[in-house]
Amino acid sequence: MLAMPLVLGLVTYALPAGAQAQMVVGASDQDHALITRIEEHLNTITLLTAKFHQVASDGKQSTGTAWLDRRNRRMRFQYDPPSPLLLVANHDQVVFNDSELGQTTTMPMDKTPIGLLLRPHLALSGDVQVTALVHEGPQIEITLVRTDSPGDGSLTLLFHEEKGQLLLRGWIVQDAQGESTRVDLLHASVGGAEPPDSLFNTDIGDK
């Protein structure tokens, strides 16, 4: 999640800065309507739980369980054994632990692309810029950067449209070094009881 270019036939939609600006300025009324629908759909999601499948930059694949609590800006990625990885976001920080290496990395949430997804209300304008929008059949991909700091990386949200309804299916995070990771959500459920605070404890050490 923290780094990694796309592999295994996945496609990246990064464009030169000039092309990005031209695309956004020249977006059609249909594009603007779709962006509005995406924004409205995202902001109905306050709590999401799902299994996930992740592809890293080196082609390594992993699975686990994800909890996103957007109301309280927190998240947990619990990787399935034998993976030594654990990611927890809370208190405006993203903490990534590799127990095998005995290493823990902490970053400000607002310096990582995933911090955009954890905003309780994500407006796709103002301090967030849409740099790419791809709509092919039922598949929709929208790429976002922070307007004032696009070099921090991008977040591409992946949606599936079914009978006029949008479903968040995953995302691609590209970091400041241009490396990306893809996460696909499986068996996602939205809403339900709020998970315990202990799930989002960022003091994860070597756990």
C-alpha atoms as a PDB file:
ATOM      1  CA  MET A   1       0.000   0.000   0.000  1.00  0.00           C
ATOM      2  CA  LEU A   2       2.858   2.321   0.657  1.00  0.00           C
ATOM      3  CA  ALA A   3       4.731   1.942  -2.578  1.00  0.00           C
ATOM      4  CA  MET A   4       4.841  -0.266  -5.680  1.00  0.00           C
ATOM      5  CA  PRO A   5       4.507   0.057  -9.721  1.00  0.00           C
ATOM      6  CA  LEU A   6       1.743  -1.857 -11.357  1.00  0.00           C
ATOM      7  CA  VAL A   7       2.469  -5.303 -12.680  1.00  0.00           C
ATOM      8  CA  LEU A   8       0.680  -8.380 -13.983  1.00  0.00           C
ATOM      9  CA  GLY A   9      -0.941  -6.475 -16.835  1.00  0.00           C
ATOM     10  CA  LEU A  10      -2.472  -3.693 -14.724  1.00  0.00           C
ATOM     11  CA  VAL A  11      -2.618  -0.315 -16.439  1.00  0.00           C
ATOM     12  CA  THR A  12      -1.541   3.031 -15.037  1.00  0.00           C
ATOM     13  CA  TYR A  13      -3.163   6.226 -16.245  1.00  0.00           C
ATOM     14  CA  ALA A  14      -0.510   8.741 -15.204  1.00  0.00           C
ATOM     15  CA  LEU A  15      -0.346  11.616 -17.693  1.00  0.00           C
ATOM     16  CA  PRO A  16       2.114  14.467 -18.155  1.00  0.00           C
ATOM     17  CA  ALA A  17       1.107  17.519 -16.119  1.00  0.00           C
ATOM     18  CA  GLY A  18       0.018  19.472 -19.196  1.00  0.00           C
ATOM     19  CA  ALA A  19      -2.185  16.630 -20.411  1.00  0.00           C
ATOM     20  CA  GLN A  20      -3.747  16.306 -16.977  1.00  0.00           C
ATOM     21  CA  ALA A  21      -4.660  19.977 -16.823  1.00  0.00           C
ATOM     22  CA  GLN A  22      -6.047  19.926 -20.357  1.00  0.00           C
ATOM     23  CA  MET A  23      -8.193  16.915 -19.588  1.00  0.00           C
ATOM     24  CA  VAL A  24      -9.695  18.395 -16.441  1.00  0.00           C
ATOM     25  CA  VAL A  25     -10.435  21.771 -18.024  1.00  0.00           C
ATOM     26  CA  GLY A  26     -11.997  20.157 -21.070  1.00  0.00           C
ATOM     27  CA  ALA A  27     -14.047  17.525 -19.254  1.00  0.00           C
ATOM     28  CA  SER A  28     -17.492  17.043 -20.790  1.00  0.00           C
ATOM     29  CA  ASP A  29     -20.803  17.613 -19.025  1.00  0.00           C
ATOM     30  CA  GLN A  30     -21.130  13.824 -18.897  1.00  0.00           C
ATOM     31  CA  ASP A  31     -17.762  13.572 -17.138  1.00  0.00           C
ATOM     32  CA  HIS A  32     -18.735  16.231 -14.621  1.00  0.00           C
ATOM     33  CA  ALA A  33     -21.997  14.408 -13.921  1.00  0.00           C
ATOM     34  CA  LEU A  34     -20.104  11.156 -13.359  1.00  0.00           C
ATOM     35  CA  ILE A  35     -17.628  12.876 -11.019  1.00  0.00           C
ATOM     36  CA  THR A  36     -20.562  14.245  -9.017  1.00  0.00           C
ATOM     37  CA  ARG A  37     -22.083  10.745  -8.777  1.00  0.00           C
ATOM     38  CA  ILE A  38     -18.764   9.319  -7.600  1.00  0.00           C
ATOM     39  CA  GLU A  39     -18.419  12.009  -4.945  1.00  0.00           C
ATOM     40  CA  GLU A  40     -21.961  11.419  -3.704  1.00  0.00           C
ATOM     41  CA  HIS A  41     -21.435   7.649  -3.593  1.00  0.00           C
ATOM     42  CA  LEU A  42     -18.142   7.902  -1.708  1.00  0.00           C
ATOM     43  CA  ASN A  43     -19.690  10.122   0.900  1.00  0.00           C
ATOM     44  CA  THR A  44     -22.375   7.548   1.687  1.00  0.00           C
ATOM     45  CA  ILE A  45     -19.590   5.183   2.800  1.00  0.00           C
ATOM     46  CA  THR A  46     -18.727   5.805   6.439  1.00  0.00           C
ATOM     47  CA  LEU A  47     -17.728   2.271   7.435  1.00  0.00           C
ATOM     48  CA  LEU A  48     -16.542  -0.494   5.115  1.00  0.00           C
ATOM     49  CA  THR A  49     -15.270  -4.004   5.859  1.00  0.00           C
ATOM     50  CA  ALA A  50     -13.923  -6.307   3.173  1.00  0.00           C
ATOM     51  CA  LYS A  51     -11.501  -9.017   2.259  1.00  0.00           C
ATOM     52  CA  PHE A  52      -8.793  -7.695  -0.018  1.00  0.00           C
ATOM     53  CA  HIS A  53      -6.329  -8.896  -2.642  1.00  0.00           C
ATOM     54  CA  GLN A  54      -3.185  -6.812  -3.081  1.00  0.00           C
ATOM     55  CA  VAL A  55      -0.579  -6.814  -5.844  1.00  0.00           C
ATOM     56  CA  ALA A  56       2.763  -5.216  -4.967  1.00  0.00           C
ATOM     57  CA  SER A  57       5.333  -3.654  -7.287  1.00  0.00           C
ATOM     58  CA  ASP A  58       7.407  -6.831  -7.392  1.00  0.00           C
ATOM     59  CA  GLY A  59       4.397  -8.932  -8.352  1.00  0.00           C
ATOM     60  CA  LYS A  60       3.976 -10.374  -4.879  1.00  0.00           C
ATOM     61  CA  GLN A  61       0.347 -10.978  -3.973  1.00  0.00           C
ATOM     62  CA  SER A  62      -1.223 -10.964  -0.543  1.00  0.00           C
ATOM     63  CA  THR A  63      -4.672 -11.126   1.007  1.00  0.00           C
ATOM     64  CA  GLY A  64      -6.281 -10.050   4.244  1.00  0.00           C
ATOM     65  CA  THR A  65      -9.110  -8.130   5.859  1.00  0.00           C
ATOM     66  CA  ALA A  66      -9.606  -4.372   5.653  1.00  0.00           C
ATOM     67  CA  TRP A  67     -11.577  -2.025   7.887  1.00  0.00           C
ATOM     68  CA  LEU A  68     -12.202   1.578   6.765  1.00  0.00           C
ATOM     69  CA  ASP A  69     -13.836   3.903   9.268  1.00  0.00           C
ATOM     70  CA  ARG A  70     -14.104   7.157   7.326  1.00  0.00           C
ATOM     71  CA  ARG A  71     -16.196   8.847   9.977  1.00  0.00           C
ATOM     72  CA  ASN A  72     -13.213   8.748  12.332  1.00  0.00           C
ATOM     73  CA  ARG A  73     -10.434   8.785   9.681  1.00  0.00           C
ATOM     74  CA  ARG A  74      -8.966   5.407  10.508  1.00  0.00           C
ATOM     75  CA  MET A  75      -8.193   2.149   8.761  1.00  0.00           C
ATOM     76  CA  ARG A  76      -6.656  -1.265   9.397  1.00  0.00           C
ATOM     77  CA  PHE A  77      -5.190  -3.705   6.879  1.00  0.00           C
ATOM     78  CA  GLN A  78      -4.732  -7.088   8.574  1.00  0.00           C
ATOM     79  CA  TYR A  79      -2.703  -9.319   6.264  1.00  0.00           C
ATOM     80  CA  ASP A  80      -3.275 -13.061   6.258  1.00  0.00           C
ATOM     81  CA  PRO A  81      -0.467 -15.366   7.473  1.00  0.00           C
ATOM     82  CA  PRO A  82       2.275 -15.939   6.589  1.00  0.00           C
ATOM     83  CA  SER A  83       2.565 -12.245   5.661  1.00  0.00           C
ATOM     84  CA  PRO A  84       4.417 -10.268   8.359  1.00  0.00           C
ATOM     85  CA  LEU A  85       2.697  -7.002   7.373  1.00  0.00           C
ATOM     86  CA  LEU A  86       0.211  -4.840   9.260  1.00  0.00           C
ATOM     87  CA  LEU A  87      -1.016  -1.360   8.355  1.00  0.00           C
ATOM     88  CA  VAL A  88      -2.988   0.903  10.687  1.00  0.00           C
ATOM     89  CA  ALA A  89      -4.076   4.500  10.030  1.00  0.00           C
ATOM     90  CA  ASN A  90      -5.352   6.660  12.882  1.00  0.00           C
ATOM     91  CA  HIS A  91      -4.616   9.926  14.696  1.00  0.00           C
ATOM     92  CA  ASP A  92      -3.542  11.535  11.382  1.00  0.00           C
ATOM     93  CA  GLN A  93      -0.802   8.930  10.905  1.00  0.00           C
ATOM     94  CA  VAL A  94      -0.278   5.848   8.755  1.00  0.00           C
ATOM     95  CA  VAL A  95       1.777   3.157  10.510  1.00  0.00           C
ATOM     96  CA  PHE A  96       3.206   0.215   8.565  1.00  0.00           C
ATOM     97  CA  ASN A  97       4.852  -2.676  10.389  1.00  0.00           C
ATOM     98  CA  ASP A  98       6.914  -5.554   9.010  1.00  0.00           C
ATOM     99  CA  SER A  99       7.422  -7.938  11.916  1.00  0.00           C
ATOM    100  CA  GLU A 100       9.779 -10.132   9.894  1.00  0.00           C
ATOM    101  CA  LEU A 101      12.224  -7.253   9.431  1.00  0.00           C
ATOM    102  CA  GLY A 102      11.400  -5.691  12.801  1.00  0.00           C
ATOM    103  CA  GLN A 103      10.680  -2.374  11.078  1.00  0.00           C
ATOM    104  CA  THR A 104       7.888   0.142  11.650  1.00  0.00           C
ATOM    105  CA  THR A 105       7.354   3.145   9.347  1.00  0.00           C
ATOM    106  CA  THR A 106       5.156   6.106  10.325  1.00  0.00           C
ATOM    107  CA  MET A 107       3.973   8.807   7.910  1.00  0.00           C
ATOM    108  CA  PRO A 108       1.578  11.768   8.166  1.00  0.00           C
ATOM    109  CA  MET A 109      -1.801  10.729   6.767  1.00  0.00           C
ATOM    110  CA  ASP A 110      -2.063  13.948   4.773  1.00  0.00           C
ATOM    111  CA  LYS A 111       1.198  13.133   2.978  1.00  0.00           C
ATOM    112  CA  THR A 112      -0.059   9.802   1.647  1.00  0.00           C
ATOM    113  CA  PRO A 113      -2.606   9.334  -1.164  1.00  0.00           C
ATOM    114  CA  ILE A 114      -4.688   6.960   0.991  1.00  0.00           C
ATOM    115  CA  GLY A 115      -5.353   9.893   3.339  1.00  0.00           C
ATOM    116  CA  LEU A 116      -7.768  11.239   0.713  1.00  0.00           C
ATOM    117  CA  LEU A 117      -9.933   8.127   0.940  1.00  0.00           C
ATOM    118  CA  LEU A 118     -10.114   8.444   4.723  1.00  0.00           C
ATOM    119  CA  ARG A 119     -11.571  11.941   4.659  1.00  0.00           C
ATOM    120  CA  PRO A 120     -15.079  11.856   6.216  1.00  0.00           C
ATOM    121  CA  HIS A 121     -16.245  14.004   3.290  1.00  0.00           C
ATOM    122  CA  LEU A 122     -14.192  13.889   0.112  1.00  0.00           C
ATOM    123  CA  ALA A 123     -14.899  16.776  -2.271  1.00  0.00           C
ATOM    124  CA  LEU A 124     -13.542  16.125  -5.765  1.00  0.00           C
ATOM    125  CA  SER A 125     -12.652  19.783  -6.276  1.00  0.00           C
ATOM    126  CA  GLY A 126     -10.815  22.553  -4.468  1.00  0.00           C
ATOM    127  CA  ASP A 127      -7.788  21.004  -2.759  1.00  0.00           C
ATOM    128  CA  VAL A 128      -8.394  17.740  -4.657  1.00  0.00           C
ATOM    129  CA  GLN A 129      -7.847  17.563  -8.417  1.00  0.00           C
ATOM    130  CA  VAL A 130      -9.216  14.919 -10.774  1.00  0.00           C
ATOM    131  CA  THR A 131      -6.392  14.127 -13.189  1.00  0.00           C
ATOM    132  CA  ALA A 132      -7.914  11.183 -15.071  1.00  0.00           C
ATOM    133  CA  LEU A 133     -11.343   9.646 -15.589  1.00  0.00           C
ATOM    134  CA  VAL A 134     -11.776   6.362 -17.474  1.00  0.00           C
ATOM    135  CA  HIS A 135     -15.225   4.835 -18.096  1.00  0.00           C
ATOM    136  CA  GLU A 136     -15.248   1.604 -20.082  1.00  0.00           C
ATOM    137  CA  GLY A 137     -18.421  -0.448 -19.857  1.00  0.00           C
ATOM    138  CA  PRO A 138     -19.247  -1.039 -16.197  1.00  0.00           C
ATOM    139  CA  GLN A 139     -15.685  -0.191 -15.070  1.00  0.00           C
ATOM    140  CA  ILE A 140     -14.858   3.317 -13.861  1.00  0.00           C
ATOM    141  CA  GLU A 141     -11.482   4.624 -12.718  1.00  0.00           C
ATOM    142  CA  ILE A 142     -10.874   8.108 -11.344  1.00  0.00           C
ATOM    143  CA  THR A 143      -7.446   9.425 -10.369  1.00  0.00           C
ATOM    144  CA  LEU A 144      -7.018  12.066  -7.680  1.00  0.00           C
ATOM    145  CA  VAL A 145      -4.128  14.177  -6.397  1.00  0.00           C
ATOM    146  CA  ARG A 146      -3.849  16.957  -3.851  1.00  0.00           C
ATOM    147  CA  THR A 147      -4.025  20.186  -5.838  1.00  0.00           C
ATOM    148  CA  ASP A 148      -1.182  21.883  -3.950  1.00  0.00           C
ATOM    149  CA  SER A 149       1.079  18.820  -3.692  1.00  0.00           C
ATOM    150  CA  PRO A 150       0.541  16.425  -6.610  1.00  0.00           C
ATOM    151  CA  GLY A 151       4.062  15.116  -6.046  1.00  0.00           C
ATOM    152  CA  ASP A 152       2.854  13.350  -2.885  1.00  0.00           C
ATOM    153  CA  GLY A 153       1.307  10.697  -5.131  1.00  0.00           C
ATOM    154  CA  SER A 154      -2.067   9.785  -6.585  1.00  0.00           C
ATOM    155  CA  LEU A 155      -5.082   7.708  -5.644  1.00  0.00           C
ATOM    156  CA  THR A 156      -7.021   5.919  -8.392  1.00  0.00           C
ATOM    157  CA  LEU A 157     -10.410   4.698  -7.193  1.00  0.00           C
ATOM    158  CA  LEU A 158     -11.923   1.692  -8.970  1.00  0.00           C
ATOM    159  CA  PHE A 159     -15.688   1.364  -9.341  1.00  0.00           C
ATOM    160  CA  HIS A 160     -18.102  -1.072 -10.914  1.00  0.00           C
ATOM    161  CA  GLU A 161     -21.452   0.224 -12.153  1.00  0.00           C
ATOM    162  CA  GLU A 162     -24.336  -2.200 -11.868  1.00  0.00           C
ATOM    163  CA  LYS A 163     -27.942  -1.285 -12.697  1.00  0.00           C
ATOM    164  CA  GLY A 164     -27.128   2.379 -12.310  1.00  0.00           C
ATOM    165  CA  GLN A 165     -25.471   1.902  -8.914  1.00  0.00           C
ATOM    166  CA  LEU A 166     -21.791   2.518  -8.219  1.00  0.00           C
ATOM    167  CA  LEU A 167     -19.796   0.073  -6.114  1.00  0.00           C
ATOM    168  CA  LEU A 168     -16.286   0.794  -4.813  1.00  0.00           C
ATOM    169  CA  ARG A 169     -14.162  -2.185  -5.892  1.00  0.00           C
ATOM    170  CA  GLY A 170     -10.696  -1.047  -4.846  1.00  0.00           C
ATOM    171  CA  TRP A 171      -7.933   1.442  -5.565  1.00  0.00           C
ATOM    172  CA  ILE A 172      -4.441   1.982  -6.880  1.00  0.00           C
ATOM    173  CA  VAL A 173      -2.048   4.049  -4.755  1.00  0.00           C
ATOM    174  CA  GLN A 174       0.941   5.636  -6.494  1.00  0.00           C
ATOM    175  CA  ASP A 175       3.494   7.122  -4.105  1.00  0.00           C
ATOM    176  CA  ALA A 176       5.870  10.068  -4.471  1.00  0.00           C
ATOM    177  CA  GLN A 177       8.486   7.806  -6.091  1.00  0.00           C
ATOM    178  CA  GLY A 178       6.028   6.738  -8.800  1.00  0.00           C
ATOM    179  CA  GLU A 179       5.626   3.217  -7.441  1.00  0.00           C
ATOM    180  CA  SER A 180       2.140   1.761  -7.099  1.00  0.00           C
ATOM    181  CA  THR A 181       0.091  -0.914  -5.398  1.00  0.00           C
ATOM    182  CA  ARG A 182      -3.316  -2.217  -6.411  1.00  0.00           C
ATOM    183  CA  VAL A 183      -5.911  -3.307  -3.866  1.00  0.00           C
ATOM    184  CA  ASP A 184      -9.100  -5.107  -4.909  1.00  0.00           C
ATOM    185  CA  LEU A 185     -11.925  -5.359  -2.379  1.00  0.00           C
ATOM    186  CA  LEU A 186     -13.802  -8.666  -2.109  1.00  0.00           C
ATOM    187  CA  HIS A 187     -17.104  -9.363  -0.335  1.00  0.00           C
ATOM    188  CA  ALA A 188     -17.299  -5.766   0.881  1.00  0.00           C
ATOM    189  CA  SER A 189     -19.996  -4.710   3.331  1.00  0.00           C
ATOM    190  CA  VAL A 190     -20.925  -1.144   4.185  1.00  0.00           C
ATOM    191  CA  GLY A 191     -22.273   0.118   7.501  1.00  0.00           C
ATOM    192  CA  GLY A 192     -22.900  -1.958  10.599  1.00  0.00           C
ATOM    193  CA  ALA A 193     -21.644  -1.609  14.151  1.00  0.00           C
ATOM    194  CA  GLU A 194     -18.579   0.555  14.681  1.00  0.00           C
ATOM    195  CA  PRO A 195     -15.493  -1.610  15.294  1.00  0.00           C
ATOM    196  CA  PRO A 196     -13.635  -1.388  18.612  1.00  0.00           C
ATOM    197  CA  ASP A 197     -11.038   1.371  19.046  1.00  0.00           C
ATOM    198  CA  SER A 198      -8.390  -1.271  19.788  1.00  0.00           C
ATOM    199  CA  LEU A 199      -8.520  -2.355  16.148  1.00  0.00           C
ATOM    200  CA  PHE A 200      -6.994   0.977  15.163  1.00  0.00           C
ATOM    201  CA  ASN A 201      -4.269   1.152  17.776  1.00  0.00           C
ATOM    202  CA  THR A 202      -1.210   2.614  16.022  1.00  0.00           C
ATOM    203  CA  ASP A 203       1.186   1.376  18.706  1.00  0.00           C
ATOM    204  CA  ILE A 204       1.695  -1.844  16.760  1.00  0.00           C
ATOM    205  CA  GLY A 205       5.429  -2.339  17.360  1.00  0.00           C
ATOM    206  CA  ASP A 206       6.470  -5.779  16.149  1.00  0.00           C
ATOM    207  CA  LYS A 207       2.941  -7.228  16.130  1.00  0.00           C
END
